Amino acid sequence: MRSSALITSLSLSTASLAALPSYAALVWTGASDGVSAFNEGNWLGHDGNAAPANTVNNNVAIPDNATLTNGEIEISAGTGTPSNYGGVFSIGTNNLTIANSKILGGGSFDGASSAFTGNGSTVTINSGGTLNTNSVSGMNSFVLDDGTIDLRGSAGITMMGTNATMSLGNGSSVASQFLSGGTNTLAVTLDGGSVLILRGAGNPLNGTTVDVLDTDSTIQFLAEVFDAGNGTGGFVNEHLGKVTLGGQALVFGSDPFAVEAGDNALATAIQAGNGVEISFVPEPGSIALLSLGGLLLGRRRRAL
């Protein structure tokens, strides 16, 4: 972690720490190498001294729930430059909140190996918080409220456990090679003008359903066209049955790239024609109400 530019407060509860030391808080100082999240000399413990040994270790679960506020963690056992992040930050069965903060990590830009893991955990990202790592695995729930997940290169998200969920609200965004429910199904919801970006081809929504709750949110497939024309590829053949608008099936007219009567979704070619964005169309009644409201406002202004 680079010097004293940012201070990380990692608040740890002690309810289930029968065999472990009691930590009221961990505060990042960078006093040792200024880089590694796994070097206890970079942290202050609750007594104001360096955190005890084995408090935060590479690929070892942290002791309890944690909250990262107004700071930044670099998952690194080495130099900490973006191409040299290394190691795995594990939250085990605990839960993590990232508020107005960043967690950065990953062994390389290709994103091949996991850098952030859990074991049925819940991760909450809000208030501008960001997770920017290699692959993520083992979480049971992600809750984003003005939060960002931007995985590196070919990194993806593989969830764990039954009833896995991911909710994006209040302008949140997730960019990942793929989303996978693992051995179960992942249920994703989008609301509040949020964006889901899938970089991969060949079924990037793997064991995953997406329900869009508003017409301001969008889904982008950067390596999938709308219809590959071969009966197997593209959004139509791979994902149309997985995406709903308010629980209702998507409806495209004879021209999916234009809004026609009865449509609730619209396709737009992106990535020089190699990808597609799916946006959503308000119900005709909503459009009529908006138009009527604009008309009445215009008449009122003219009367004034």
C-alpha atoms as a PDB file:
ATOM      1  CA  MET A   1       0.000   0.000   0.000  1.00  0.00           C
ATOM      2  CA  ARG A   2       1.415   3.319  -0.945  1.00  0.00           C
ATOM      3  CA  SER A   3       2.469   5.246   2.132  1.00  0.00           C
ATOM      4  CA  SER A   4       0.087   7.479   3.981  1.00  0.00           C
ATOM      5  CA  ALA A   5      -2.132   8.736   1.170  1.00  0.00           C
ATOM      6  CA  LEU A   6      -5.032   6.635   2.321  1.00  0.00           C
ATOM      7  CA  ILE A   7      -5.960   5.149   5.688  1.00  0.00           C
ATOM      8  CA  THR A   8      -7.884   1.908   5.834  1.00  0.00           C
ATOM      9  CA  SER A   9     -10.070   1.137   8.797  1.00  0.00           C
ATOM     10  CA  LEU A  10     -10.873  -2.549   8.962  1.00  0.00           C
ATOM     11  CA  SER A  11     -13.405  -2.965  11.749  1.00  0.00           C
ATOM     12  CA  LEU A  12     -13.555  -6.490  13.074  1.00  0.00           C
ATOM     13  CA  SER A  13     -16.298  -7.788  15.360  1.00  0.00           C
ATOM     14  CA  THR A  14     -15.370 -10.303  18.024  1.00  0.00           C
ATOM     15  CA  ALA A  15     -18.543 -12.289  18.508  1.00  0.00           C
ATOM     16  CA  SER A  16     -17.180 -15.577  17.165  1.00  0.00           C
ATOM     17  CA  LEU A  17     -13.492 -15.378  18.021  1.00  0.00           C
ATOM     18  CA  ALA A  18     -13.278 -17.924  20.809  1.00  0.00           C
ATOM     19  CA  ALA A  19      -9.824 -19.166  19.858  1.00  0.00           C
ATOM     20  CA  LEU A  20      -8.462 -16.006  18.253  1.00  0.00           C
ATOM     21  CA  PRO A  21      -7.145 -12.702  19.592  1.00  0.00           C
ATOM     22  CA  SER A  22      -9.732  -9.941  19.925  1.00  0.00           C
ATOM     23  CA  TYR A  23      -9.399  -7.150  17.342  1.00  0.00           C
ATOM     24  CA  ALA A  24     -11.434  -4.006  17.782  1.00  0.00           C
ATOM     25  CA  ALA A  25      -9.962  -2.506  14.614  1.00  0.00           C
ATOM     26  CA  LEU A  26      -7.148  -2.726  12.125  1.00  0.00           C
ATOM     27  CA  VAL A  27      -5.802   0.533  10.739  1.00  0.00           C
ATOM     28  CA  TRP A  28      -3.554   0.658   7.686  1.00  0.00           C
ATOM     29  CA  THR A  29      -0.327   2.643   8.121  1.00  0.00           C
ATOM     30  CA  GLY A  30       2.011   1.153   5.505  1.00  0.00           C
ATOM     31  CA  ALA A  31       4.774   1.476   8.107  1.00  0.00           C
ATOM     32  CA  SER A  32       6.650  -1.637   6.978  1.00  0.00           C
ATOM     33  CA  ASP A  33       6.903  -2.066   3.205  1.00  0.00           C
ATOM     34  CA  GLY A  34       4.034   0.302   2.400  1.00  0.00           C
ATOM     35  CA  VAL A  35       2.520  -2.247   0.046  1.00  0.00           C
ATOM     36  CA  SER A  36       1.459  -5.674   1.228  1.00  0.00           C
ATOM     37  CA  ALA A  37      -1.918  -6.299   2.811  1.00  0.00           C
ATOM     38  CA  PHE A  38      -0.415  -9.438   4.337  1.00  0.00           C
ATOM     39  CA  ASN A  39       2.403  -7.736   6.223  1.00  0.00           C
ATOM     40  CA  GLU A  40       1.136  -7.061   9.746  1.00  0.00           C
ATOM     41  CA  GLY A  41       3.795  -4.360  10.097  1.00  0.00           C
ATOM     42  CA  ASN A  42       1.655  -2.281   7.743  1.00  0.00           C
ATOM     43  CA  TRP A  43      -1.264  -2.406  10.174  1.00  0.00           C
ATOM     44  CA  LEU A  44      -1.982  -1.113  13.653  1.00  0.00           C
ATOM     45  CA  GLY A  45      -3.941  -3.352  15.976  1.00  0.00           C
ATOM     46  CA  HIS A  46      -6.500  -2.271  18.546  1.00  0.00           C
ATOM     47  CA  ASP A  47      -3.760  -1.524  21.066  1.00  0.00           C
ATOM     48  CA  GLY A  48      -2.031   0.948  18.750  1.00  0.00           C
ATOM     49  CA  ASN A  49       0.861  -1.419  18.066  1.00  0.00           C
ATOM     50  CA  ALA A  50       1.597  -3.490  14.978  1.00  0.00           C
ATOM     51  CA  ALA A  51      -1.137  -6.047  14.395  1.00  0.00           C
ATOM     52  CA  PRO A  52      -0.426  -9.500  15.832  1.00  0.00           C
ATOM     53  CA  ALA A  53       1.115 -12.118  13.577  1.00  0.00           C
ATOM     54  CA  ASN A  54      -1.284 -14.077  11.376  1.00  0.00           C
ATOM     55  CA  THR A  55      -3.972 -11.414  11.516  1.00  0.00           C
ATOM     56  CA  VAL A  56      -4.111 -10.920   7.722  1.00  0.00           C
ATOM     57  CA  ASN A  57      -2.374 -13.605   5.685  1.00  0.00           C
ATOM     58  CA  ASN A  58      -2.204 -14.555   2.041  1.00  0.00           C
ATOM     59  CA  ASN A  59      -5.028 -16.992   1.219  1.00  0.00           C
ATOM     60  CA  VAL A  60      -6.059 -17.297   4.877  1.00  0.00           C
ATOM     61  CA  ALA A  61      -9.490 -16.086   5.951  1.00  0.00           C
ATOM     62  CA  ILE A  62      -9.620 -12.909   7.995  1.00  0.00           C
ATOM     63  CA  PRO A  63     -10.879 -13.464  11.568  1.00  0.00           C
ATOM     64  CA  ASP A  64     -14.345 -11.909  11.257  1.00  0.00           C
ATOM     65  CA  ASN A  65     -16.600  -9.476   9.400  1.00  0.00           C
ATOM     66  CA  ALA A  66     -14.811  -6.414   8.075  1.00  0.00           C
ATOM     67  CA  THR A  67     -15.607  -2.908   6.874  1.00  0.00           C
ATOM     68  CA  LEU A  68     -13.241  -0.972   4.637  1.00  0.00           C
ATOM     69  CA  THR A  69     -14.080   2.747   4.724  1.00  0.00           C
ATOM     70  CA  ASN A  70     -12.365   5.670   2.979  1.00  0.00           C
ATOM     71  CA  GLY A  71      -9.256   3.701   2.137  1.00  0.00           C
ATOM     72  CA  GLU A  72      -7.530   1.322  -0.201  1.00  0.00           C
ATOM     73  CA  ILE A  73      -6.139  -2.194   0.093  1.00  0.00           C
ATOM     74  CA  GLU A  74      -3.651  -3.594  -2.382  1.00  0.00           C
ATOM     75  CA  ILE A  75      -3.677  -7.370  -2.388  1.00  0.00           C
ATOM     76  CA  SER A  76       0.026  -7.807  -2.832  1.00  0.00           C
ATOM     77  CA  ALA A  77       2.910  -9.739  -1.414  1.00  0.00           C
ATOM     78  CA  GLY A  78       5.349  -7.923  -3.661  1.00  0.00           C
ATOM     79  CA  THR A  79       6.063  -4.552  -5.206  1.00  0.00           C
ATOM     80  CA  GLY A  80       2.446  -3.497  -5.539  1.00  0.00           C
ATOM     81  CA  THR A  81       2.628  -2.028  -9.041  1.00  0.00           C
ATOM     82  CA  PRO A  82      -0.481  -2.925 -11.062  1.00  0.00           C
ATOM     83  CA  SER A  83       1.260  -5.706 -13.006  1.00  0.00           C
ATOM     84  CA  ASN A  84       2.741  -7.259  -9.873  1.00  0.00           C
ATOM     85  CA  TYR A  85      -0.196  -7.587  -7.512  1.00  0.00           C
ATOM     86  CA  GLY A  86      -0.135 -11.050  -6.034  1.00  0.00           C
ATOM     87  CA  GLY A  87      -1.808 -13.218  -3.451  1.00  0.00           C
ATOM     88  CA  VAL A  88      -5.374 -13.964  -2.414  1.00  0.00           C
ATOM     89  CA  PHE A  89      -7.423 -11.872   0.011  1.00  0.00           C
ATOM     90  CA  SER A  90      -9.859 -14.302   1.666  1.00  0.00           C
ATOM     91  CA  ILE A  91     -12.812 -13.295   3.805  1.00  0.00           C
ATOM     92  CA  GLY A  92     -13.786 -16.917   4.509  1.00  0.00           C
ATOM     93  CA  THR A  93     -17.321 -17.240   5.851  1.00  0.00           C
ATOM     94  CA  ASN A  94     -17.291 -13.603   6.962  1.00  0.00           C
ATOM     95  CA  ASN A  95     -18.898 -10.585   5.319  1.00  0.00           C
ATOM     96  CA  LEU A  96     -17.197  -7.503   3.928  1.00  0.00           C
ATOM     97  CA  THR A  97     -18.397  -3.954   3.297  1.00  0.00           C
ATOM     98  CA  ILE A  98     -16.438  -1.675   0.943  1.00  0.00           C
ATOM     99  CA  ALA A  99     -17.583   1.933   1.370  1.00  0.00           C
ATOM    100  CA  ASN A 100     -15.973   4.778  -0.607  1.00  0.00           C
ATOM    101  CA  SER A 101     -12.883   2.583  -0.857  1.00  0.00           C
ATOM    102  CA  LYS A 102     -10.945   0.339  -3.211  1.00  0.00           C
ATOM    103  CA  ILE A 103      -9.655  -3.203  -3.111  1.00  0.00           C
ATOM    104  CA  LEU A 104      -7.045  -3.728  -5.821  1.00  0.00           C
ATOM    105  CA  GLY A 105      -5.314  -6.976  -6.680  1.00  0.00           C
ATOM    106  CA  GLY A 106      -4.494  -9.756  -9.092  1.00  0.00           C
ATOM    107  CA  GLY A 107      -1.446 -11.606 -10.278  1.00  0.00           C
ATOM    108  CA  SER A 108      -1.503 -10.253 -13.819  1.00  0.00           C
ATOM    109  CA  PHE A 109      -3.635  -8.293 -16.226  1.00  0.00           C
ATOM    110  CA  ASP A 110      -5.057 -11.476 -17.794  1.00  0.00           C
ATOM    111  CA  GLY A 111      -7.036 -12.134 -14.622  1.00  0.00           C
ATOM    112  CA  ALA A 112      -6.494 -15.895 -14.761  1.00  0.00           C
ATOM    113  CA  SER A 113      -6.233 -16.641 -11.037  1.00  0.00           C
ATOM    114  CA  SER A 114      -8.465 -15.721  -8.118  1.00  0.00           C
ATOM    115  CA  ALA A 115      -7.445 -12.754  -5.983  1.00  0.00           C
ATOM    116  CA  PHE A 116     -10.546 -12.307  -3.842  1.00  0.00           C
ATOM    117  CA  THR A 117     -12.300 -15.294  -2.301  1.00  0.00           C
ATOM    118  CA  GLY A 118     -14.904 -16.224   0.247  1.00  0.00           C
ATOM    119  CA  ASN A 119     -16.884 -19.180   1.493  1.00  0.00           C
ATOM    120  CA  GLY A 120     -20.554 -18.301   1.203  1.00  0.00           C
ATOM    121  CA  SER A 121     -19.880 -14.655   2.112  1.00  0.00           C
ATOM    122  CA  THR A 122     -21.806 -11.443   1.516  1.00  0.00           C
ATOM    123  CA  VAL A 123     -19.965  -8.468   0.047  1.00  0.00           C
ATOM    124  CA  THR A 124     -21.556  -5.020   0.141  1.00  0.00           C
ATOM    125  CA  ILE A 125     -20.068  -2.271  -2.046  1.00  0.00           C
ATOM    126  CA  ASN A 126     -21.524   1.208  -1.622  1.00  0.00           C
ATOM    127  CA  SER A 127     -20.846   4.940  -1.582  1.00  0.00           C
ATOM    128  CA  GLY A 128     -18.517   4.777  -4.580  1.00  0.00           C
ATOM    129  CA  GLY A 129     -16.657   1.674  -3.413  1.00  0.00           C
ATOM    130  CA  THR A 130     -14.694  -0.343  -5.990  1.00  0.00           C
ATOM    131  CA  LEU A 131     -13.473  -3.915  -6.300  1.00  0.00           C
ATOM    132  CA  ASN A 132     -10.771  -4.152  -8.988  1.00  0.00           C
ATOM    133  CA  THR A 133      -9.095  -7.557  -8.844  1.00  0.00           C
ATOM    134  CA  ASN A 134      -8.550 -10.787 -10.699  1.00  0.00           C
ATOM    135  CA  SER A 135     -11.215 -13.490 -10.538  1.00  0.00           C
ATOM    136  CA  VAL A 136     -13.648 -13.558  -7.630  1.00  0.00           C
ATOM    137  CA  SER A 137     -15.026 -16.782  -6.181  1.00  0.00           C
ATOM    138  CA  GLY A 138     -16.911 -18.232  -3.241  1.00  0.00           C
ATOM    139  CA  MET A 139     -19.321 -15.381  -2.446  1.00  0.00           C
ATOM    140  CA  ASN A 140     -23.005 -16.070  -1.885  1.00  0.00           C
ATOM    141  CA  SER A 141     -24.192 -12.487  -2.273  1.00  0.00           C
ATOM    142  CA  PHE A 142     -23.069  -9.165  -3.714  1.00  0.00           C
ATOM    143  CA  VAL A 143     -24.996  -5.999  -2.846  1.00  0.00           C
ATOM    144  CA  LEU A 144     -23.981  -2.905  -4.826  1.00  0.00           C
ATOM    145  CA  ASP A 145     -25.426   0.530  -4.116  1.00  0.00           C
ATOM    146  CA  ASP A 146     -23.423   3.125  -6.036  1.00  0.00           C
ATOM    147  CA  GLY A 147     -20.680   0.518  -6.190  1.00  0.00           C
ATOM    148  CA  THR A 148     -18.374  -0.870  -8.873  1.00  0.00           C
ATOM    149  CA  ILE A 149     -16.880  -4.254  -9.659  1.00  0.00           C
ATOM    150  CA  ASP A 150     -14.358  -3.972 -12.490  1.00  0.00           C
ATOM    151  CA  LEU A 151     -12.457  -7.220 -12.870  1.00  0.00           C
ATOM    152  CA  ARG A 152      -9.198  -7.311 -14.761  1.00  0.00           C
ATOM    153  CA  GLY A 153      -8.715  -8.903 -18.171  1.00  0.00           C
ATOM    154  CA  SER A 154     -10.422 -12.287 -18.469  1.00  0.00           C
ATOM    155  CA  ALA A 155     -11.385 -12.447 -14.797  1.00  0.00           C
ATOM    156  CA  GLY A 156     -14.881 -13.621 -13.911  1.00  0.00           C
ATOM    157  CA  ILE A 157     -17.169 -14.121 -10.928  1.00  0.00           C
ATOM    158  CA  THR A 158     -18.136 -17.584  -9.688  1.00  0.00           C
ATOM    159  CA  MET A 159     -20.647 -17.626  -6.851  1.00  0.00           C
ATOM    160  CA  MET A 160     -21.165 -20.261  -4.176  1.00  0.00           C
ATOM    161  CA  GLY A 161     -24.135 -21.897  -2.479  1.00  0.00           C
ATOM    162  CA  THR A 162     -27.840 -22.067  -3.111  1.00  0.00           C
ATOM    163  CA  ASN A 163     -29.853 -18.891  -3.632  1.00  0.00           C
ATOM    164  CA  ALA A 164     -26.793 -16.865  -4.679  1.00  0.00           C
ATOM    165  CA  THR A 165     -27.683 -13.264  -5.504  1.00  0.00           C
ATOM    166  CA  MET A 166     -26.180 -10.100  -6.933  1.00  0.00           C
ATOM    167  CA  SER A 167     -28.087  -6.813  -6.772  1.00  0.00           C
ATOM    168  CA  LEU A 168     -27.011  -3.646  -8.557  1.00  0.00           C
ATOM    169  CA  GLY A 169     -28.705  -0.390  -7.643  1.00  0.00           C
ATOM    170  CA  ASN A 170     -28.236   3.372  -7.693  1.00  0.00           C
ATOM    171  CA  GLY A 171     -26.009   3.549 -10.758  1.00  0.00           C
ATOM    172  CA  SER A 172     -23.799   0.584  -9.890  1.00  0.00           C
ATOM    173  CA  SER A 173     -21.777  -1.308 -12.472  1.00  0.00           C
ATOM    174  CA  VAL A 174     -20.247  -4.744 -12.820  1.00  0.00           C
ATOM    175  CA  ALA A 175     -17.729  -5.540 -15.581  1.00  0.00           C
ATOM    176  CA  SER A 176     -16.659  -9.179 -15.738  1.00  0.00           C
ATOM    177  CA  GLN A 177     -15.671 -11.816 -18.281  1.00  0.00           C
ATOM    178  CA  PHE A 178     -18.577 -13.926 -17.074  1.00  0.00           C
ATOM    179  CA  LEU A 179     -21.007 -14.519 -14.222  1.00  0.00           C
ATOM    180  CA  SER A 180     -21.498 -18.052 -12.956  1.00  0.00           C
ATOM    181  CA  GLY A 181     -23.708 -19.555 -10.308  1.00  0.00           C
ATOM    182  CA  GLY A 182     -21.199 -22.350  -9.818  1.00  0.00           C
ATOM    183  CA  THR A 183     -23.111 -25.569  -9.221  1.00  0.00           C
ATOM    184  CA  ASN A 184     -26.315 -23.593  -8.570  1.00  0.00           C
ATOM    185  CA  THR A 185     -28.091 -20.584 -10.078  1.00  0.00           C
ATOM    186  CA  LEU A 186     -27.125 -16.938  -9.569  1.00  0.00           C
ATOM    187  CA  ALA A 187     -30.011 -14.441  -9.572  1.00  0.00           C
ATOM    188  CA  VAL A 188     -28.982 -10.907 -10.600  1.00  0.00           C
ATOM    189  CA  THR A 189     -31.146  -7.782 -10.349  1.00  0.00           C
ATOM    190  CA  LEU A 190     -30.471  -4.378 -11.936  1.00  0.00           C
ATOM    191  CA  ASP A 191     -32.110  -1.148 -10.834  1.00  0.00           C
ATOM    192  CA  GLY A 192     -31.503   2.595 -10.666  1.00  0.00           C
ATOM    193  CA  GLY A 193     -29.697   3.013 -13.975  1.00  0.00           C
ATOM    194  CA  SER A 194     -27.135   0.286 -13.285  1.00  0.00           C
ATOM    195  CA  VAL A 195     -24.992  -1.420 -15.911  1.00  0.00           C
ATOM    196  CA  LEU A 196     -23.911  -5.037 -16.299  1.00  0.00           C
ATOM    197  CA  ILE A 197     -20.975  -5.497 -18.705  1.00  0.00           C
ATOM    198  CA  LEU A 198     -20.016  -8.991 -19.859  1.00  0.00           C
ATOM    199  CA  ARG A 199     -16.720  -9.183 -21.728  1.00  0.00           C
ATOM    200  CA  GLY A 200     -16.679 -12.849 -22.655  1.00  0.00           C
ATOM    201  CA  ALA A 201     -18.129 -14.863 -25.511  1.00  0.00           C
ATOM    202  CA  GLY A 202     -19.692 -18.310 -25.464  1.00  0.00           C
ATOM    203  CA  ASN A 203     -22.230 -18.022 -22.636  1.00  0.00           C
ATOM    204  CA  PRO A 204     -20.981 -15.311 -20.255  1.00  0.00           C
ATOM    205  CA  LEU A 205     -24.249 -15.658 -18.271  1.00  0.00           C
ATOM    206  CA  ASN A 206     -23.528 -19.169 -17.057  1.00  0.00           C
ATOM    207  CA  GLY A 207     -26.135 -20.537 -14.681  1.00  0.00           C
ATOM    208  CA  THR A 208     -27.294 -16.952 -14.200  1.00  0.00           C
ATOM    209  CA  THR A 209     -30.578 -15.094 -14.561  1.00  0.00           C
ATOM    210  CA  VAL A 210     -30.955 -11.303 -14.754  1.00  0.00           C
ATOM    211  CA  ASP A 211     -34.118  -9.415 -13.833  1.00  0.00           C
ATOM    212  CA  VAL A 212     -34.034  -5.728 -14.756  1.00  0.00           C
ATOM    213  CA  LEU A 213     -36.257  -3.651 -12.499  1.00  0.00           C
ATOM    214  CA  ASP A 214     -36.173  -0.325 -14.349  1.00  0.00           C
ATOM    215  CA  THR A 215     -35.850   0.948 -17.890  1.00  0.00           C
ATOM    216  CA  ASP A 216     -32.712   3.008 -17.232  1.00  0.00           C
ATOM    217  CA  SER A 217     -30.435   0.026 -16.603  1.00  0.00           C
ATOM    218  CA  THR A 218     -28.602  -1.749 -19.435  1.00  0.00           C
ATOM    219  CA  ILE A 219     -26.731  -4.964 -20.180  1.00  0.00           C
ATOM    220  CA  GLN A 220     -23.733  -4.954 -22.515  1.00  0.00           C
ATOM    221  CA  PHE A 221     -22.324  -8.065 -24.174  1.00  0.00           C
ATOM    222  CA  LEU A 222     -18.963  -6.985 -25.561  1.00  0.00           C
ATOM    223  CA  ALA A 223     -18.208 -10.215 -27.438  1.00  0.00           C
ATOM    224  CA  GLU A 224     -21.700 -11.471 -28.296  1.00  0.00           C
ATOM    225  CA  VAL A 225     -23.844 -10.259 -31.193  1.00  0.00           C
ATOM    226  CA  PHE A 226     -27.628 -10.175 -30.991  1.00  0.00           C
ATOM    227  CA  ASP A 227     -28.103 -13.218 -33.220  1.00  0.00           C
ATOM    228  CA  ALA A 228     -25.182 -15.133 -34.679  1.00  0.00           C
ATOM    229  CA  GLY A 229     -27.493 -16.659 -37.298  1.00  0.00           C
ATOM    230  CA  ASN A 230     -26.336 -20.230 -36.656  1.00  0.00           C
ATOM    231  CA  GLY A 231     -29.044 -21.237 -34.214  1.00  0.00           C
ATOM    232  CA  THR A 232     -26.635 -21.505 -31.287  1.00  0.00           C
ATOM    233  CA  GLY A 233     -24.660 -18.274 -30.772  1.00  0.00           C
ATOM    234  CA  GLY A 234     -25.459 -14.725 -29.779  1.00  0.00           C
ATOM    235  CA  PHE A 235     -27.798 -13.157 -27.261  1.00  0.00           C
ATOM    236  CA  VAL A 236     -30.962 -14.617 -28.774  1.00  0.00           C
ATOM    237  CA  ASN A 237     -29.864 -18.221 -28.536  1.00  0.00           C
ATOM    238  CA  GLU A 238     -27.812 -18.070 -25.339  1.00  0.00           C
ATOM    239  CA  HIS A 239     -29.410 -15.464 -23.096  1.00  0.00           C
ATOM    240  CA  LEU A 240     -32.861 -14.341 -24.207  1.00  0.00           C
ATOM    241  CA  GLY A 241     -34.543 -16.777 -21.831  1.00  0.00           C
ATOM    242  CA  LYS A 242     -32.310 -15.709 -18.922  1.00  0.00           C
ATOM    243  CA  VAL A 243     -33.093 -11.970 -18.979  1.00  0.00           C
ATOM    244  CA  THR A 244     -36.416 -10.482 -17.878  1.00  0.00           C
ATOM    245  CA  LEU A 245     -37.834  -7.002 -17.340  1.00  0.00           C
ATOM    246  CA  GLY A 246     -39.713  -6.871 -14.067  1.00  0.00           C
ATOM    247  CA  GLY A 247     -40.168 -10.632 -14.237  1.00  0.00           C
ATOM    248  CA  GLN A 248     -41.596 -10.511 -17.749  1.00  0.00           C
ATOM    249  CA  ALA A 249     -40.026 -12.072 -20.844  1.00  0.00           C
ATOM    250  CA  LEU A 250     -38.262  -9.686 -23.225  1.00  0.00           C
ATOM    251  CA  VAL A 251     -40.173  -8.784 -26.372  1.00  0.00           C
ATOM    252  CA  PHE A 252     -38.386  -7.711 -29.565  1.00  0.00           C
ATOM    253  CA  GLY A 253     -40.315  -6.920 -32.731  1.00  0.00           C
ATOM    254  CA  SER A 254     -39.435  -7.921 -36.269  1.00  0.00           C
ATOM    255  CA  ASP A 255     -36.530  -5.457 -36.087  1.00  0.00           C
ATOM    256  CA  PRO A 256     -34.810  -5.861 -32.695  1.00  0.00           C
ATOM    257  CA  PHE A 257     -32.750  -2.709 -33.360  1.00  0.00           C
ATOM    258  CA  ALA A 258     -35.850  -0.485 -33.502  1.00  0.00           C
ATOM    259  CA  VAL A 259     -38.708   0.058 -31.063  1.00  0.00           C
ATOM    260  CA  GLU A 260     -41.944  -1.368 -32.398  1.00  0.00           C
ATOM    261  CA  ALA A 261     -45.415  -1.632 -30.881  1.00  0.00           C
ATOM    262  CA  GLY A 262     -45.408  -4.047 -27.950  1.00  0.00           C
ATOM    263  CA  ASP A 263     -41.610  -4.110 -27.508  1.00  0.00           C
ATOM    264  CA  ASN A 264     -40.123  -3.875 -24.046  1.00  0.00           C
ATOM    265  CA  ALA A 265     -36.476  -4.217 -25.083  1.00  0.00           C
ATOM    266  CA  LEU A 266     -34.145  -2.785 -27.707  1.00  0.00           C
ATOM    267  CA  ALA A 267     -30.861  -4.092 -29.124  1.00  0.00           C
ATOM    268  CA  THR A 268     -28.031  -1.756 -30.154  1.00  0.00           C
ATOM    269  CA  ALA A 269     -24.882  -2.932 -31.912  1.00  0.00           C
ATOM    270  CA  ILE A 270     -21.664  -1.972 -30.075  1.00  0.00           C
ATOM    271  CA  GLN A 271     -17.971  -2.860 -30.291  1.00  0.00           C
ATOM    272  CA  ALA A 272     -17.914  -2.183 -34.057  1.00  0.00           C
ATOM    273  CA  GLY A 273     -20.739  -4.670 -34.532  1.00  0.00           C
ATOM    274  CA  ASN A 274     -19.125  -7.420 -32.453  1.00  0.00           C
ATOM    275  CA  GLY A 275     -21.219  -6.818 -29.372  1.00  0.00           C
ATOM    276  CA  VAL A 276     -24.724  -5.817 -28.374  1.00  0.00           C
ATOM    277  CA  GLU A 277     -26.288  -3.620 -25.727  1.00  0.00           C
ATOM    278  CA  ILE A 278     -29.721  -4.516 -24.419  1.00  0.00           C
ATOM    279  CA  SER A 279     -31.758  -1.580 -23.173  1.00  0.00           C
ATOM    280  CA  PHE A 280     -35.334  -1.492 -22.012  1.00  0.00           C
ATOM    281  CA  VAL A 281     -38.464   0.299 -23.167  1.00  0.00           C
ATOM    282  CA  PRO A 282     -41.036   1.857 -20.829  1.00  0.00           C
ATOM    283  CA  GLU A 283     -44.593   0.609 -21.109  1.00  0.00           C
ATOM    284  CA  PRO A 284     -46.720   2.586 -23.572  1.00  0.00           C
ATOM    285  CA  GLY A 285     -48.780   3.922 -20.676  1.00  0.00           C
ATOM    286  CA  SER A 286     -45.664   5.327 -19.037  1.00  0.00           C
ATOM    287  CA  ILE A 287     -44.578   6.983 -22.277  1.00  0.00           C
ATOM    288  CA  ALA A 288     -48.049   8.489 -22.688  1.00  0.00           C
ATOM    289  CA  LEU A 289     -48.001   9.874 -19.159  1.00  0.00           C
ATOM    290  CA  LEU A 290     -44.581  11.426 -19.725  1.00  0.00           C
ATOM    291  CA  SER A 291     -45.743  12.987 -22.985  1.00  0.00           C
ATOM    292  CA  LEU A 292     -48.915  14.288 -21.339  1.00  0.00           C
ATOM    293  CA  GLY A 293     -46.906  15.747 -18.476  1.00  0.00           C
ATOM    294  CA  GLY A 294     -44.635  17.561 -20.918  1.00  0.00           C
ATOM    295  CA  LEU A 295     -47.626  18.886 -22.845  1.00  0.00           C
ATOM    296  CA  LEU A 296     -49.347  20.184 -19.708  1.00  0.00           C
ATOM    297  CA  LEU A 297     -46.132  21.816 -18.510  1.00  0.00           C
ATOM    298  CA  GLY A 298     -45.726  23.523 -21.855  1.00  0.00           C
ATOM    299  CA  ARG A 299     -49.289  24.844 -21.741  1.00  0.00           C
ATOM    300  CA  ARG A 300     -48.786  26.117 -18.200  1.00  0.00           C
ATOM    301  CA  ARG A 301     -45.622  27.984 -19.221  1.00  0.00           C
ATOM    302  CA  ARG A 302     -47.394  29.578 -22.150  1.00  0.00           C
ATOM    303  CA  ALA A 303     -50.278  30.621 -19.857  1.00  0.00           C
ATOM    304  CA  LEU A 304     -47.797  32.292 -17.536  1.00  0.00           C
END
